[in-house]
């Protein structure tokens, strides 16, 4: 019984491809990584609304956001 299970495990390991799947293309709203012109994500666009600003203010991160924008 153990030999059968071991054989099945080895067969599965050998049959599994060793290469990784290719990376998916960038989403339609985002530019290519090397172009330097990225459109803001949905999450970044929401930061201008009242609720995210309040959350940032209460957590103390509202002062940090300008530093990230400059970087």
N, C-alpha and C. Protein backbone atom coordinates (compact mmCIF):
# COMPACT_ATOMS: atom_id res chain seq x y z
N UNK A 1 0.82 -1.19 0.00
CA UNK A 1 0.00 0.00 0.00
C UNK A 1 0.87 1.25 0.00
N UNK A 2 1.93 1.28 0.81
CA UNK A 2 2.80 2.45 0.87
C UNK A 2 3.50 2.69 -0.45
N UNK A 3 3.91 1.61 -1.11
CA UNK A 3 4.59 1.75 -2.39
C UNK A 3 3.67 2.38 -3.43
N UNK A 4 2.40 2.02 -3.40
CA UNK A 4 1.44 2.60 -4.34
C UNK A 4 1.23 4.08 -4.10
N UNK A 5 1.14 4.46 -2.84
CA UNK A 5 0.95 5.87 -2.50
C UNK A 5 2.20 6.66 -2.86
N UNK A 6 3.38 6.11 -2.57
CA UNK A 6 4.63 6.77 -2.90
C UNK A 6 4.77 6.91 -4.41
N UNK A 7 4.42 5.87 -5.13
CA UNK A 7 4.49 5.93 -6.59
C UNK A 7 3.55 6.98 -7.16
N UNK A 8 2.35 7.06 -6.62
CA UNK A 8 1.38 8.05 -7.06
C UNK A 8 1.87 9.46 -6.77
N UNK A 9 2.48 9.66 -5.60
CA UNK A 9 3.01 10.98 -5.24
C UNK A 9 4.15 11.37 -6.17
N UNK A 10 5.04 10.44 -6.48
CA UNK A 10 6.14 10.73 -7.39
C UNK A 10 5.63 11.01 -8.80
N UNK A 11 4.65 10.26 -9.23
CA UNK A 11 4.07 10.48 -10.56
C UNK A 11 3.43 11.86 -10.65
N UNK A 12 2.76 12.27 -9.60
CA UNK A 12 2.13 13.59 -9.58
C UNK A 12 3.19 14.69 -9.60
N UNK A 13 4.27 14.50 -8.85
CA UNK A 13 5.33 15.50 -8.80
C UNK A 13 6.02 15.63 -10.15
N UNK A 14 6.21 14.52 -10.84
CA UNK A 14 6.87 14.55 -12.14
C UNK A 14 5.95 15.15 -13.20
N UNK A 15 4.66 14.91 -13.09
CA UNK A 15 3.72 15.39 -14.09
C UNK A 15 3.39 16.87 -13.93
N UNK A 16 3.68 17.44 -12.77
CA UNK A 16 3.40 18.85 -12.52
C UNK A 16 4.45 19.70 -13.22
N UNK A 17 4.04 20.71 -14.00
CA UNK A 17 5.02 21.54 -14.68
C UNK A 17 5.87 22.33 -13.68
N UNK A 18 7.15 22.45 -13.98
CA UNK A 18 8.08 23.13 -13.08
C UNK A 18 8.17 24.62 -13.36
N UNK A 19 7.61 25.08 -14.47
CA UNK A 19 7.71 26.49 -14.80
C UNK A 19 6.49 27.24 -14.29
N UNK A 20 6.69 28.50 -13.99
CA UNK A 20 5.59 29.34 -13.51
C UNK A 20 4.77 29.84 -14.69
N UNK A 21 3.54 30.16 -14.44
CA UNK A 21 2.68 30.71 -15.48
C UNK A 21 3.14 32.13 -15.80
N UNK A 22 2.98 32.56 -17.04
CA UNK A 22 3.39 33.93 -17.39
C UNK A 22 2.54 34.96 -16.65
N UNK A 23 3.12 36.10 -16.41
CA UNK A 23 2.42 37.17 -15.69
C UNK A 23 1.28 37.71 -16.54
N UNK A 24 0.23 38.11 -15.88
CA UNK A 24 -0.92 38.68 -16.58
C UNK A 24 -0.57 40.09 -17.03
N UNK A 25 -1.14 40.54 -18.14
CA UNK A 25 -0.87 41.91 -18.59
C UNK A 25 -1.44 42.93 -17.61
N UNK A 26 -0.92 44.14 -17.69
CA UNK A 26 -1.38 45.22 -16.81
C UNK A 26 -2.85 45.51 -17.08
N UNK A 27 -3.61 45.90 -16.05
CA UNK A 27 -5.02 46.26 -16.26
C UNK A 27 -5.14 47.42 -17.25
N UNK A 28 -6.28 47.53 -17.88
CA UNK A 28 -6.49 48.53 -18.93
C UNK A 28 -6.30 49.96 -18.43
N UNK A 29 -6.61 50.24 -17.18
CA UNK A 29 -6.51 51.60 -16.65
C UNK A 29 -5.10 52.01 -16.28
N UNK A 30 -4.18 51.09 -16.27
CA UNK A 30 -2.81 51.39 -15.86
C UNK A 30 -1.88 51.33 -17.06
N UNK A 31 -0.89 52.18 -17.09
CA UNK A 31 0.10 52.17 -18.16
C UNK A 31 1.15 51.12 -17.87
N UNK A 32 1.99 50.85 -18.83
CA UNK A 32 3.07 49.88 -18.66
C UNK A 32 4.04 50.37 -17.60
N UNK A 33 4.73 49.45 -16.96
CA UNK A 33 5.60 49.79 -15.82
C UNK A 33 6.70 50.76 -16.20
N UNK A 34 7.25 50.67 -17.38
CA UNK A 34 8.37 51.52 -17.76
C UNK A 34 7.98 52.85 -18.36
N UNK A 35 6.70 53.11 -18.58
CA UNK A 35 6.30 54.33 -19.29
C UNK A 35 6.35 55.57 -18.41
N UNK A 36 6.21 55.42 -17.09
CA UNK A 36 6.28 56.55 -16.18
C UNK A 36 4.97 57.32 -16.04
N UNK A 37 3.96 57.02 -16.85
CA UNK A 37 2.68 57.72 -16.78
C UNK A 37 1.62 56.76 -16.28
N UNK A 38 1.40 56.73 -14.98
CA UNK A 38 0.40 55.84 -14.40
C UNK A 38 -0.84 56.63 -14.02
N UNK A 39 -1.98 56.09 -14.37
CA UNK A 39 -3.22 56.71 -13.92
C UNK A 39 -3.51 56.22 -12.50
N UNK A 40 -4.16 57.03 -11.68
CA UNK A 40 -4.43 56.61 -10.30
C UNK A 40 -5.36 55.40 -10.24
N UNK A 41 -5.15 54.56 -9.26
CA UNK A 41 -6.01 53.41 -9.06
C UNK A 41 -7.34 53.86 -8.48
N UNK A 42 -8.30 52.97 -8.42
CA UNK A 42 -9.61 53.29 -7.84
C UNK A 42 -9.44 53.71 -6.39
N UNK A 43 -8.57 53.01 -5.66
CA UNK A 43 -8.35 53.34 -4.25
C UNK A 43 -7.74 54.72 -4.11
N UNK A 44 -6.80 55.07 -5.00
CA UNK A 44 -6.18 56.39 -4.94
C UNK A 44 -7.19 57.49 -5.27
N UNK A 45 -8.09 57.21 -6.19
CA UNK A 45 -9.11 58.19 -6.54
C UNK A 45 -10.08 58.43 -5.39
N UNK A 46 -10.33 57.43 -4.58
CA UNK A 46 -11.26 57.55 -3.45
C UNK A 46 -10.69 58.39 -2.31
N UNK A 47 -9.40 58.61 -2.28
CA UNK A 47 -8.79 59.36 -1.18
C UNK A 47 -9.28 60.81 -1.11
N UNK A 48 -9.83 61.32 -2.20
CA UNK A 48 -10.33 62.70 -2.21
C UNK A 48 -11.69 62.83 -1.56
N UNK A 49 -12.34 61.74 -1.25
CA UNK A 49 -13.67 61.78 -0.64
C UNK A 49 -13.58 62.04 0.86
N UNK A 50 -14.70 62.39 1.46
CA UNK A 50 -14.73 62.80 2.87
C UNK A 50 -14.38 61.66 3.83
N UNK A 51 -14.94 60.47 3.62
CA UNK A 51 -14.72 59.36 4.56
C UNK A 51 -13.25 58.93 4.62
N UNK A 52 -12.57 58.72 3.48
CA UNK A 52 -11.15 58.36 3.58
C UNK A 52 -10.31 59.46 4.21
N UNK A 53 -10.65 60.71 3.93
CA UNK A 53 -9.89 61.81 4.54
C UNK A 53 -10.07 61.82 6.06
N UNK A 54 -11.28 61.54 6.52
CA UNK A 54 -11.55 61.48 7.96
C UNK A 54 -10.77 60.34 8.60
N UNK A 55 -10.73 59.20 7.94
CA UNK A 55 -9.98 58.05 8.47
C UNK A 55 -8.49 58.40 8.55
N UNK A 56 -7.96 59.02 7.51
CA UNK A 56 -6.55 59.41 7.54
C UNK A 56 -6.29 60.44 8.64
N UNK A 57 -7.21 61.39 8.81
CA UNK A 57 -7.03 62.42 9.84
C UNK A 57 -7.03 61.81 11.23
N UNK A 58 -7.99 60.93 11.51
CA UNK A 58 -8.08 60.33 12.84
C UNK A 58 -6.91 59.41 13.15
N UNK A 59 -6.35 58.78 12.12
CA UNK A 59 -5.24 57.86 12.36
C UNK A 59 -3.89 58.58 12.38
N UNK A 60 -3.87 59.86 12.00
CA UNK A 60 -2.63 60.61 12.02
C UNK A 60 -1.84 60.53 10.73
N UNK A 61 -2.38 59.90 9.72
CA UNK A 61 -1.64 59.74 8.47
C UNK A 61 -1.94 60.84 7.46
N UNK A 62 -2.79 61.80 7.82
CA UNK A 62 -3.09 62.87 6.88
C UNK A 62 -1.88 63.77 6.65
N UNK A 63 -0.98 63.85 7.62
CA UNK A 63 0.24 64.65 7.45
C UNK A 63 1.29 63.93 6.61
N UNK A 64 1.17 62.62 6.47
CA UNK A 64 2.16 61.82 5.75
C UNK A 64 1.86 61.77 4.25
N UNK A 65 0.62 61.93 3.87
CA UNK A 65 0.22 61.80 2.47
C UNK A 65 0.99 62.72 1.53
N UNK A 66 1.23 63.99 1.87
CA UNK A 66 2.00 64.84 0.96
C UNK A 66 3.41 64.32 0.70
N UNK A 67 4.02 63.67 1.69
CA UNK A 67 5.35 63.09 1.49
C UNK A 67 5.32 61.98 0.44
N UNK A 68 4.26 61.17 0.45
CA UNK A 68 4.12 60.11 -0.54
C UNK A 68 3.87 60.69 -1.93
N UNK A 69 3.12 61.78 -2.00
CA UNK A 69 2.82 62.39 -3.30
C UNK A 69 4.09 62.93 -3.95
N UNK A 70 5.00 63.45 -3.15
CA UNK A 70 6.26 63.97 -3.70
C UNK A 70 7.18 62.86 -4.15
N UNK A 71 7.08 61.70 -3.55
CA UNK A 71 7.98 60.58 -3.88
C UNK A 71 7.58 59.95 -5.15
